[in-house]
C-alpha cells in the first residue's frame, strides 16, 4: 500500500516568486513544469471510505489515481494513493461512469516541481490562489522546510478538491475551477 505524505501551504504571489528563486540556491533540482486538468469522481464506496478517483490530464500523459484519507491526521497530510497511466481516457471515463461514480469537481493548475533531497517540492497556481506542497517522509519534509525557511508558514489543510468545492463555480452540478480562456482577437 502506497502512502503519500505531504504538507501544503497557502502562498501569495510575492512568496511564490521568492520560493522559486530560493529553490535553486538551496540545491533543489528542477524536475518539470506542466498544466493539468483534474477530474474528480465520487459516490458509493468512494464516499464511504473518504476516497476519490482522479483523472489528471497533462500534455505528456493522463493518470488515474485512487486516493483515500488516512484517519488521525496530524500536520502531515497522509493518504493511501494508487496511480497508473491511462491509455484510453474515454474508456476509463466510461468505466468510472458505469460503476456509478459521478464527476464532482474539475480544477486546473499550473505546476512547477523540484527535487530537494528526498522530497518533491511543487509550486502550484490555481484560479483561486498559489500553493506549495512538500512530499516525502516526515523527516525529509521537516528538513526541506528548514532549508526553505518555511517552518513558520500557515498550513493549508484542505486539498484542491475541497478548495474547488468552496471557491469554484457550479456548472451543471459539477464544481469547477478553471482559468479564464482568452479569446483570439
N, C-alpha and C. Protein backbone atom coordinates (compact mmCIF):
# COMPACT_ATOMS: atom_id res chain seq x y z
N UNK A 1 0.85 -1.17 0.00
CA UNK A 1 0.00 0.00 0.00
C UNK A 1 0.89 1.23 0.00
N UNK A 2 0.65 2.16 -0.94
CA UNK A 2 1.44 3.38 -1.04
C UNK A 2 0.78 4.47 -0.20
N UNK A 3 1.56 5.09 0.67
CA UNK A 3 1.06 6.20 1.48
C UNK A 3 1.78 7.47 1.04
N UNK A 4 1.00 8.47 0.65
CA UNK A 4 1.53 9.77 0.28
C UNK A 4 1.55 10.63 1.55
N UNK A 5 2.69 11.25 1.84
CA UNK A 5 2.81 12.15 2.99
C UNK A 5 3.23 13.51 2.45
N UNK A 6 2.49 14.55 2.84
CA UNK A 6 2.81 15.89 2.34
C UNK A 6 2.33 16.95 3.31
N UNK A 7 2.85 18.16 3.09
CA UNK A 7 2.35 19.37 3.72
C UNK A 7 2.03 20.36 2.61
N UNK A 8 0.96 21.13 2.82
CA UNK A 8 0.54 22.14 1.84
C UNK A 8 0.48 23.49 2.53
N UNK A 9 0.94 24.53 1.81
CA UNK A 9 0.99 25.88 2.35
C UNK A 9 0.34 26.84 1.35
N UNK A 10 -0.44 27.78 1.85
CA UNK A 10 -1.01 28.84 1.02
C UNK A 10 0.04 29.92 0.87
N UNK A 11 0.24 30.40 -0.35
CA UNK A 11 1.23 31.42 -0.63
C UNK A 11 0.58 32.65 -1.26
N UNK A 12 1.28 33.76 -1.22
CA UNK A 12 0.90 34.89 -2.05
C UNK A 12 1.88 34.96 -3.21
N UNK A 13 1.63 35.82 -4.18
CA UNK A 13 2.46 35.89 -5.39
C UNK A 13 3.91 36.22 -5.04
N UNK A 14 4.13 37.14 -4.10
CA UNK A 14 5.49 37.54 -3.71
C UNK A 14 6.26 36.34 -3.14
N UNK A 15 5.64 35.58 -2.27
CA UNK A 15 6.30 34.42 -1.67
C UNK A 15 6.54 33.33 -2.71
N UNK A 16 5.62 33.17 -3.64
CA UNK A 16 5.80 32.20 -4.73
C UNK A 16 7.07 32.53 -5.52
N UNK A 17 7.24 33.80 -5.86
CA UNK A 17 8.42 34.24 -6.61
C UNK A 17 9.69 34.02 -5.78
N UNK A 18 9.63 34.38 -4.50
CA UNK A 18 10.79 34.21 -3.61
C UNK A 18 11.19 32.73 -3.49
N UNK A 19 10.20 31.86 -3.32
CA UNK A 19 10.49 30.43 -3.18
C UNK A 19 11.02 29.83 -4.49
N UNK A 20 10.51 30.29 -5.61
CA UNK A 20 11.02 29.83 -6.91
C UNK A 20 12.51 30.11 -7.01
N UNK A 21 12.91 31.30 -6.60
CA UNK A 21 14.32 31.68 -6.62
C UNK A 21 15.13 30.90 -5.58
N UNK A 22 14.57 30.76 -4.39
CA UNK A 22 15.30 30.12 -3.29
C UNK A 22 15.56 28.63 -3.55
N UNK A 23 14.65 27.97 -4.25
CA UNK A 23 14.82 26.54 -4.51
C UNK A 23 16.16 26.25 -5.18
N UNK A 24 16.57 27.06 -6.14
CA UNK A 24 17.85 26.79 -6.80
C UNK A 24 19.03 27.10 -5.89
N UNK A 25 18.88 28.06 -4.97
CA UNK A 25 20.00 28.40 -4.09
C UNK A 25 20.22 27.38 -2.99
N UNK A 26 19.21 26.55 -2.69
CA UNK A 26 19.37 25.52 -1.65
C UNK A 26 19.66 24.14 -2.26
N UNK A 27 19.91 24.11 -3.56
CA UNK A 27 20.30 22.86 -4.21
C UNK A 27 19.18 22.03 -4.79
N UNK A 28 17.99 22.59 -4.89
CA UNK A 28 16.88 21.84 -5.50
C UNK A 28 17.14 21.69 -7.00
N UNK A 29 16.71 20.57 -7.55
CA UNK A 29 16.87 20.30 -8.97
C UNK A 29 15.50 20.39 -9.63
N UNK A 30 15.39 21.28 -10.63
CA UNK A 30 14.12 21.45 -11.33
C UNK A 30 13.76 20.15 -12.03
N UNK A 31 12.51 19.71 -11.87
CA UNK A 31 12.06 18.43 -12.43
C UNK A 31 11.16 18.62 -13.65
N UNK A 32 10.13 19.46 -13.53
CA UNK A 32 9.20 19.64 -14.65
C UNK A 32 8.28 20.82 -14.39
N UNK A 33 7.61 21.22 -15.46
CA UNK A 33 6.55 22.23 -15.39
C UNK A 33 5.44 21.74 -16.30
N UNK A 34 4.18 21.83 -15.83
CA UNK A 34 3.08 21.44 -16.69
C UNK A 34 1.78 22.14 -16.31
N UNK A 35 0.82 21.99 -17.19
CA UNK A 35 -0.55 22.44 -16.97
C UNK A 35 -1.40 21.19 -16.83
N UNK A 36 -2.24 21.16 -15.80
CA UNK A 36 -3.06 19.98 -15.52
C UNK A 36 -4.54 20.32 -15.55
N UNK A 37 -5.32 19.33 -16.00
CA UNK A 37 -6.76 19.33 -15.81
C UNK A 37 -7.06 18.12 -14.93
N UNK A 38 -7.75 18.34 -13.83
CA UNK A 38 -8.05 17.28 -12.87
C UNK A 38 -9.56 17.08 -12.78
N UNK A 39 -9.99 15.80 -12.90
CA UNK A 39 -11.40 15.44 -12.88
C UNK A 39 -11.61 14.47 -11.73
N UNK A 40 -12.42 14.88 -10.73
CA UNK A 40 -12.64 14.08 -9.53
C UNK A 40 -14.00 13.42 -9.58
N UNK A 41 -14.01 12.12 -9.26
CA UNK A 41 -15.24 11.34 -9.26
C UNK A 41 -15.49 10.81 -7.85
N UNK A 42 -16.77 10.84 -7.46
CA UNK A 42 -17.18 10.36 -6.13
C UNK A 42 -18.44 9.55 -6.24
N UNK A 43 -18.84 9.01 -5.06
CA UNK A 43 -20.09 8.26 -4.97
C UNK A 43 -19.84 6.89 -4.38
N UNK A 44 -20.92 6.25 -3.96
CA UNK A 44 -20.87 4.87 -3.48
C UNK A 44 -19.79 4.61 -2.45
N UNK A 45 -19.02 3.55 -2.69
CA UNK A 45 -17.99 3.12 -1.76
C UNK A 45 -16.88 4.17 -1.61
N UNK A 46 -16.67 4.98 -2.63
CA UNK A 46 -15.66 6.05 -2.51
C UNK A 46 -16.05 7.00 -1.37
N UNK A 47 -17.30 7.40 -1.33
CA UNK A 47 -17.76 8.30 -0.26
C UNK A 47 -17.66 7.64 1.10
N UNK A 48 -18.00 6.35 1.17
CA UNK A 48 -17.94 5.62 2.44
C UNK A 48 -16.51 5.57 2.99
N UNK A 49 -15.53 5.53 2.11
CA UNK A 49 -14.12 5.42 2.51
C UNK A 49 -13.40 6.77 2.58
N UNK A 50 -14.09 7.84 2.25
CA UNK A 50 -13.41 9.13 2.18
C UNK A 50 -12.39 9.14 1.05
N UNK A 51 -12.76 8.53 -0.07
CA UNK A 51 -11.85 8.35 -1.19
C UNK A 51 -12.35 9.08 -2.43
N UNK A 52 -11.48 9.15 -3.42
CA UNK A 52 -11.82 9.80 -4.67
C UNK A 52 -11.04 9.13 -5.79
N UNK A 53 -11.64 9.12 -6.99
CA UNK A 53 -10.93 8.74 -8.21
C UNK A 53 -10.63 10.02 -8.97
N UNK A 54 -9.37 10.17 -9.38
CA UNK A 54 -8.99 11.38 -10.11
C UNK A 54 -8.40 10.98 -11.46
N UNK A 55 -8.85 11.67 -12.48
CA UNK A 55 -8.19 11.59 -13.79
C UNK A 55 -7.45 12.91 -13.95
N UNK A 56 -6.12 12.83 -14.14
CA UNK A 56 -5.28 14.02 -14.31
C UNK A 56 -4.71 14.00 -15.72
N UNK A 57 -5.07 15.04 -16.49
CA UNK A 57 -4.60 15.15 -17.87
C UNK A 57 -3.54 16.24 -17.97
N UNK A 58 -2.39 15.86 -18.55
CA UNK A 58 -1.35 16.82 -18.91
C UNK A 58 -1.03 16.60 -20.39
N UNK A 59 -0.19 17.43 -20.93
CA UNK A 59 0.18 17.27 -22.34
C UNK A 59 0.90 15.94 -22.56
N UNK A 60 1.69 15.51 -21.57
CA UNK A 60 2.52 14.32 -21.73
C UNK A 60 1.78 13.01 -21.47
N UNK A 61 0.85 13.01 -20.51
CA UNK A 61 0.20 11.75 -20.13
C UNK A 61 -1.09 12.02 -19.37
N UNK A 62 -1.85 10.95 -19.17
CA UNK A 62 -3.07 11.00 -18.36
C UNK A 62 -2.96 9.91 -17.31
N UNK A 63 -3.27 10.26 -16.07
CA UNK A 63 -3.14 9.34 -14.95
C UNK A 63 -4.50 9.12 -14.29
N UNK A 64 -4.73 7.90 -13.83
CA UNK A 64 -5.86 7.58 -12.97
C UNK A 64 -5.30 7.36 -11.58
N UNK A 65 -5.87 8.06 -10.60
CA UNK A 65 -5.38 7.96 -9.23
C UNK A 65 -6.54 7.67 -8.29
N UNK A 66 -6.31 6.73 -7.38
CA UNK A 66 -7.23 6.46 -6.27
C UNK A 66 -6.56 7.04 -5.03
N UNK A 67 -7.29 7.91 -4.31
CA UNK A 67 -6.78 8.48 -3.06
C UNK A 67 -7.80 8.25 -1.96
N UNK A 68 -7.29 7.83 -0.80
CA UNK A 68 -8.15 7.58 0.35
C UNK A 68 -7.49 8.19 1.58
N UNK A 69 -8.26 8.97 2.33
CA UNK A 69 -7.73 9.61 3.53
C UNK A 69 -7.33 8.57 4.57
N UNK A 70 -6.22 8.85 5.24
CA UNK A 70 -5.78 8.03 6.36
C UNK A 70 -6.31 8.71 7.62
N UNK A 71 -7.01 7.99 8.51
CA UNK A 71 -7.55 8.62 9.73
C UNK A 71 -6.44 9.14 10.64
N UNK A 72 -6.85 9.96 11.60
CA UNK A 72 -5.93 10.51 12.61
C UNK A 72 -4.83 11.36 12.00
N UNK A 73 -5.23 12.32 11.22
CA UNK A 73 -4.28 13.22 10.57
C UNK A 73 -3.54 14.09 11.58
N UNK A 74 -2.30 14.39 11.27
CA UNK A 74 -1.51 15.35 12.04
C UNK A 74 -1.29 16.54 11.11
N UNK A 75 -0.27 17.33 11.36
CA UNK A 75 0.03 18.43 10.44
C UNK A 75 0.51 17.89 9.10
N UNK A 76 0.88 16.61 9.06
CA UNK A 76 1.30 15.95 7.83
C UNK A 76 0.10 15.23 7.24
N UNK A 77 -0.30 15.64 6.05
CA UNK A 77 -1.44 15.02 5.38
C UNK A 77 -0.98 13.67 4.83
N UNK A 78 -1.74 12.60 5.14
CA UNK A 78 -1.38 11.27 4.69
C UNK A 78 -2.58 10.64 3.99
N UNK A 79 -2.31 10.06 2.82
CA UNK A 79 -3.36 9.42 2.04
C UNK A 79 -2.82 8.14 1.42
N UNK A 80 -3.70 7.15 1.32
CA UNK A 80 -3.39 5.97 0.50
C UNK A 80 -3.50 6.44 -0.94
N UNK A 81 -2.52 6.08 -1.75
CA UNK A 81 -2.54 6.53 -3.14
C UNK A 81 -2.08 5.41 -4.06
N UNK A 82 -2.89 5.15 -5.07
CA UNK A 82 -2.54 4.20 -6.14
C UNK A 82 -2.75 4.94 -7.45
N UNK A 83 -1.76 4.84 -8.35
CA UNK A 83 -1.81 5.63 -9.57
C UNK A 83 -1.28 4.82 -10.74
N UNK A 84 -1.89 5.03 -11.91
CA UNK A 84 -1.45 4.35 -13.12
C UNK A 84 -1.70 5.25 -14.33
N UNK A 85 -0.91 5.04 -15.36
CA UNK A 85 -1.09 5.77 -16.62
C UNK A 85 -2.28 5.18 -17.37
N UNK A 86 -3.04 6.06 -18.01
CA UNK A 86 -4.22 5.65 -18.78
C UNK A 86 -3.86 5.71 -20.26
N UNK A 87 -4.20 4.65 -20.97
CA UNK A 87 -4.00 4.63 -22.42
C UNK A 87 -5.20 5.17 -23.16
N UNK A 88 -6.39 4.81 -22.72
CA UNK A 88 -7.63 5.20 -23.40
C UNK A 88 -8.53 5.94 -22.39
N UNK A 89 -8.42 7.26 -22.40
CA UNK A 89 -9.14 8.10 -21.42
C UNK A 89 -10.64 7.91 -21.54
N UNK A 90 -11.17 7.87 -22.76
CA UNK A 90 -12.62 7.72 -22.94
C UNK A 90 -13.12 6.41 -22.35
N UNK A 91 -12.37 5.34 -22.53
CA UNK A 91 -12.78 4.04 -21.98
C UNK A 91 -12.78 4.08 -20.45
N UNK A 92 -11.75 4.68 -19.86
CA UNK A 92 -11.68 4.77 -18.39
C UNK A 92 -12.82 5.63 -17.86
N UNK A 93 -13.11 6.74 -18.52
CA UNK A 93 -14.23 7.57 -18.08
C UNK A 93 -15.55 6.81 -18.18
N UNK A 94 -15.72 6.01 -19.22
CA UNK A 94 -16.95 5.20 -19.36
C UNK A 94 -17.03 4.15 -18.26
N UNK A 95 -15.91 3.52 -17.92
CA UNK A 95 -15.89 2.52 -16.84
C UNK A 95 -16.27 3.16 -15.52
N UNK A 96 -15.69 4.31 -15.23
CA UNK A 96 -15.98 5.01 -13.97
C UNK A 96 -17.47 5.34 -13.90
N UNK A 97 -18.03 5.83 -15.00
CA UNK A 97 -19.46 6.17 -15.03
C UNK A 97 -20.32 4.91 -14.86
N UNK A 98 -19.96 3.83 -15.52
CA UNK A 98 -20.74 2.58 -15.42
C UNK A 98 -20.69 2.00 -14.02
N UNK A 99 -19.61 2.27 -13.28
CA UNK A 99 -19.52 1.81 -11.89
C UNK A 99 -20.36 2.68 -10.95
N UNK A 100 -20.96 3.73 -11.47
CA UNK A 100 -21.87 4.56 -10.68
C UNK A 100 -21.22 5.78 -10.04
N UNK A 101 -19.98 6.04 -10.36
CA UNK A 101 -19.31 7.22 -9.80
C UNK A 101 -19.62 8.44 -10.65
N UNK A 102 -19.75 9.57 -9.99
CA UNK A 102 -20.15 10.80 -10.66
C UNK A 102 -19.02 11.82 -10.62
N UNK A 103 -18.89 12.56 -11.71
CA UNK A 103 -17.95 13.67 -11.75
C UNK A 103 -18.43 14.72 -10.76
N UNK A 104 -17.56 15.10 -9.81
CA UNK A 104 -17.97 16.05 -8.78
C UNK A 104 -17.21 17.36 -8.83
N UNK A 105 -15.99 17.34 -9.34
CA UNK A 105 -15.18 18.56 -9.37
C UNK A 105 -14.18 18.50 -10.52
N UNK A 106 -13.90 19.67 -11.07
CA UNK A 106 -12.88 19.83 -12.10
C UNK A 106 -12.06 21.05 -11.72
N UNK A 107 -10.74 20.89 -11.71
CA UNK A 107 -9.89 22.05 -11.46
C UNK A 107 -8.64 21.98 -12.32
N UNK A 108 -8.16 23.17 -12.67
CA UNK A 108 -6.95 23.31 -13.47
C UNK A 108 -5.86 23.90 -12.60
N UNK A 109 -4.61 23.57 -12.97
CA UNK A 109 -3.49 24.20 -12.26
C UNK A 109 -2.25 24.18 -13.12
N UNK A 110 -1.41 25.18 -12.85
CA UNK A 110 -0.06 25.24 -13.41
C UNK A 110 0.86 24.77 -12.29
N UNK A 111 1.74 23.83 -12.60
CA UNK A 111 2.62 23.25 -11.57
C UNK A 111 4.07 23.30 -12.04
N UNK A 112 4.94 23.69 -11.10
CA UNK A 112 6.39 23.57 -11.28
C UNK A 112 6.90 22.71 -10.14
N UNK A 113 7.79 21.75 -10.47
CA UNK A 113 8.25 20.79 -9.46
C UNK A 113 9.77 20.72 -9.42
N UNK A 114 10.27 20.50 -8.20
CA UNK A 114 11.71 20.35 -7.95
C UNK A 114 11.92 19.13 -7.05
N UNK A 115 13.12 18.57 -7.13
CA UNK A 115 13.56 17.57 -6.16
C UNK A 115 14.51 18.27 -5.21
N UNK A 116 14.21 18.18 -3.93
CA UNK A 116 15.04 18.77 -2.89
C UNK A 116 15.34 17.66 -1.89
N UNK A 117 16.57 17.16 -1.92
CA UNK A 117 16.90 15.99 -1.10
C UNK A 117 16.01 14.84 -1.53
N UNK A 118 15.31 14.24 -0.57
CA UNK A 118 14.41 13.13 -0.87
C UNK A 118 12.96 13.58 -1.03
N UNK A 119 12.74 14.88 -1.15
CA UNK A 119 11.38 15.42 -1.28
C UNK A 119 11.10 15.91 -2.68
N UNK A 120 9.82 15.96 -3.00
CA UNK A 120 9.37 16.70 -4.17
C UNK A 120 8.71 17.96 -3.63
N UNK A 121 9.13 19.10 -4.16
CA UNK A 121 8.54 20.39 -3.80
C UNK A 121 7.85 20.91 -5.04
N UNK A 122 6.56 21.23 -4.91
CA UNK A 122 5.83 21.76 -6.06
C UNK A 122 5.25 23.13 -5.70
N UNK A 123 5.27 24.01 -6.69
CA UNK A 123 4.63 25.31 -6.59
C UNK A 123 3.48 25.31 -7.58
N UNK A 124 2.28 25.50 -7.07
CA UNK A 124 1.07 25.41 -7.88
C UNK A 124 0.36 26.75 -7.96
N UNK A 125 -0.13 27.05 -9.15
CA UNK A 125 -1.03 28.18 -9.34
C UNK A 125 -2.36 27.63 -9.79
N UNK A 126 -3.41 27.94 -9.03
CA UNK A 126 -4.77 27.57 -9.38
C UNK A 126 -5.56 28.85 -9.58
N UNK A 127 -6.73 28.78 -10.18
CA UNK A 127 -7.51 30.00 -10.38
C UNK A 127 -7.82 30.74 -9.08
N UNK A 128 -7.78 30.04 -7.94
CA UNK A 128 -8.11 30.68 -6.67
C UNK A 128 -6.89 30.91 -5.77
N UNK A 129 -5.67 30.73 -6.28
CA UNK A 129 -4.53 31.06 -5.44
C UNK A 129 -3.27 30.26 -5.75
N UNK A 130 -2.25 30.54 -4.92
CA UNK A 130 -0.93 29.93 -5.06
C UNK A 130 -0.66 29.05 -3.85
N UNK A 131 0.00 27.90 -4.09
CA UNK A 131 0.24 26.93 -3.03
C UNK A 131 1.60 26.26 -3.24
N UNK A 132 2.15 25.75 -2.15
CA UNK A 132 3.33 24.91 -2.20
C UNK A 132 3.01 23.62 -1.48
N UNK A 133 3.46 22.51 -2.05
CA UNK A 133 3.36 21.21 -1.40
C UNK A 133 4.76 20.63 -1.30
N UNK A 134 5.05 20.02 -0.16
CA UNK A 134 6.29 19.28 0.02
C UNK A 134 5.89 17.85 0.34
N UNK A 135 6.37 16.91 -0.49
CA UNK A 135 6.03 15.50 -0.32
C UNK A 135 7.29 14.68 -0.06
N UNK A 136 7.21 13.80 0.91
CA UNK A 136 8.33 12.93 1.26
C UNK A 136 8.01 12.23 2.58
N UNK A 137 9.05 11.81 3.29
CA UNK A 137 8.83 11.28 4.63
C UNK A 137 8.68 12.46 5.59
N UNK A 138 8.17 12.20 6.77
CA UNK A 138 8.01 13.27 7.76
C UNK A 138 9.36 13.93 8.04
N UNK A 139 10.39 13.14 8.20
CA UNK A 139 11.72 13.69 8.50
C UNK A 139 12.24 14.52 7.34
N UNK A 140 12.07 14.04 6.10
CA UNK A 140 12.57 14.77 4.94
C UNK A 140 11.79 16.06 4.71
N UNK A 141 10.48 16.03 4.95
CA UNK A 141 9.67 17.25 4.82
C UNK A 141 10.14 18.29 5.83
N UNK A 142 10.37 17.87 7.06
CA UNK A 142 10.84 18.78 8.10
C UNK A 142 12.17 19.41 7.71
N UNK A 143 13.07 18.61 7.16
CA UNK A 143 14.37 19.13 6.71
C UNK A 143 14.21 20.11 5.56
N UNK A 144 13.34 19.80 4.61
CA UNK A 144 13.10 20.70 3.47
C UNK A 144 12.51 22.03 3.95
N UNK A 145 11.60 21.96 4.92
CA UNK A 145 11.03 23.19 5.48
C UNK A 145 12.13 24.09 6.03
N UNK A 146 13.07 23.50 6.76
CA UNK A 146 14.17 24.27 7.34
C UNK A 146 15.04 24.89 6.27
N UNK A 147 15.38 24.10 5.23
CA UNK A 147 16.21 24.62 4.14
C UNK A 147 15.54 25.81 3.44
N UNK A 148 14.23 25.71 3.27
CA UNK A 148 13.49 26.77 2.59
C UNK A 148 13.06 27.90 3.53
N UNK A 149 13.21 27.69 4.84
CA UNK A 149 12.81 28.70 5.81
C UNK A 149 11.32 28.92 5.85
N UNK A 150 10.55 27.84 5.72
CA UNK A 150 9.09 27.96 5.68
C UNK A 150 8.39 27.29 6.86
N UNK A 151 9.17 26.92 7.90
CA UNK A 151 8.54 26.24 9.04
C UNK A 151 7.45 27.06 9.69
N UNK A 152 7.52 28.38 9.55
CA UNK A 152 6.55 29.29 10.18
C UNK A 152 5.28 29.48 9.36
N UNK A 153 5.27 29.04 8.10
CA UNK A 153 4.11 29.29 7.24
C UNK A 153 2.89 28.53 7.74
N UNK A 154 1.74 29.16 7.59
CA UNK A 154 0.48 28.53 7.96
C UNK A 154 0.16 27.42 6.96
N UNK A 155 -0.24 26.28 7.47
CA UNK A 155 -0.58 25.15 6.62
C UNK A 155 -1.97 25.33 6.03
N UNK A 156 -2.15 24.77 4.83
CA UNK A 156 -3.47 24.70 4.20
C UNK A 156 -3.93 23.25 4.33
N UNK A 157 -4.88 22.98 5.22
CA UNK A 157 -5.29 21.59 5.45
C UNK A 157 -6.18 21.01 4.35
N UNK A 158 -6.81 21.87 3.57
CA UNK A 158 -7.74 21.39 2.55
C UNK A 158 -7.01 21.03 1.26
N UNK A 159 -7.47 19.97 0.62
CA UNK A 159 -6.94 19.60 -0.68
C UNK A 159 -7.58 20.44 -1.77
N UNK A 160 -7.05 20.35 -2.97
CA UNK A 160 -7.60 21.13 -4.09
C UNK A 160 -9.05 20.78 -4.39
N UNK A 161 -9.49 19.52 -4.25
CA UNK A 161 -10.91 19.25 -4.47
C UNK A 161 -11.81 20.02 -3.50
N UNK A 162 -11.45 20.04 -2.21
CA UNK A 162 -12.26 20.78 -1.23
C UNK A 162 -12.21 22.27 -1.50
N UNK A 163 -11.04 22.78 -1.86
CA UNK A 163 -10.93 24.20 -2.18
C UNK A 163 -11.78 24.54 -3.41
N UNK A 164 -11.78 23.64 -4.40
CA UNK A 164 -12.60 23.85 -5.58
C UNK A 164 -14.08 23.84 -5.20
N UNK A 165 -14.49 22.93 -4.32
CA UNK A 165 -15.89 22.89 -3.88
C UNK A 165 -16.29 24.19 -3.20
N UNK A 166 -15.35 24.80 -2.46
CA UNK A 166 -15.65 26.03 -1.75
C UNK A 166 -15.52 27.27 -2.64
N UNK A 167 -14.51 27.29 -3.50
CA UNK A 167 -14.17 28.51 -4.24
C UNK A 167 -14.51 28.45 -5.73
N UNK A 168 -14.93 27.28 -6.21
CA UNK A 168 -15.23 27.13 -7.62
C UNK A 168 -16.63 27.59 -7.98
N UNK A 169 -17.02 27.27 -9.19
CA UNK A 169 -18.32 27.65 -9.75
C UNK A 169 -19.09 26.38 -10.09
N UNK A 170 -20.36 26.34 -9.73
CA UNK A 170 -21.20 25.18 -10.04
C UNK A 170 -21.60 25.26 -11.52
N UNK A 171 -21.18 24.24 -12.27
CA UNK A 171 -21.52 24.14 -13.69
C UNK A 171 -22.29 22.83 -13.87
N UNK A 172 -23.60 22.95 -13.92
CA UNK A 172 -24.48 21.78 -14.09
C UNK A 172 -24.21 20.69 -13.05
N UNK A 173 -24.05 21.10 -11.79
CA UNK A 173 -23.88 20.16 -10.69
C UNK A 173 -22.44 19.70 -10.45
N UNK A 174 -21.49 20.22 -11.21
CA UNK A 174 -20.08 19.91 -11.03
C UNK A 174 -19.36 21.19 -10.64
N UNK A 175 -18.62 21.14 -9.53
CA UNK A 175 -17.86 22.33 -9.10
C UNK A 175 -16.60 22.44 -9.96
N UNK A 176 -16.41 23.61 -10.56
CA UNK A 176 -15.28 23.80 -11.45
C UNK A 176 -14.46 25.02 -11.05
N UNK A 177 -13.17 24.88 -11.24
CA UNK A 177 -12.24 25.99 -11.05
C UNK A 177 -11.28 25.96 -12.22
N UNK A 178 -11.57 26.84 -13.19
CA UNK A 178 -10.78 26.89 -14.42
C UNK A 178 -10.25 28.30 -14.64
N UNK A 179 -9.11 28.36 -15.32
CA UNK A 179 -8.56 29.66 -15.70
C UNK A 179 -9.41 30.23 -16.82
N UNK A 180 -9.53 31.56 -16.85
CA UNK A 180 -10.28 32.22 -17.90
C UNK A 180 -9.57 31.98 -19.23
N UNK A 181 -10.34 31.64 -20.22
CA UNK A 181 -9.78 31.43 -21.56
C UNK A 181 -9.80 32.77 -22.30
N UNK A 182 -8.69 33.11 -22.89
CA UNK A 182 -8.64 34.36 -23.66
C UNK A 182 -9.07 34.05 -25.08
N UNK A 183 -9.88 34.92 -25.62
CA UNK A 183 -10.37 34.77 -26.97
C UNK A 183 -9.41 35.43 -27.95
N UNK A 184 -9.15 34.79 -29.10
CA UNK A 184 -8.28 35.42 -30.08
C UNK A 184 -8.92 36.70 -30.61
N UNK A 185 -8.07 37.68 -30.92
CA UNK A 185 -8.58 38.98 -31.41
C UNK A 185 -9.04 38.89 -32.84
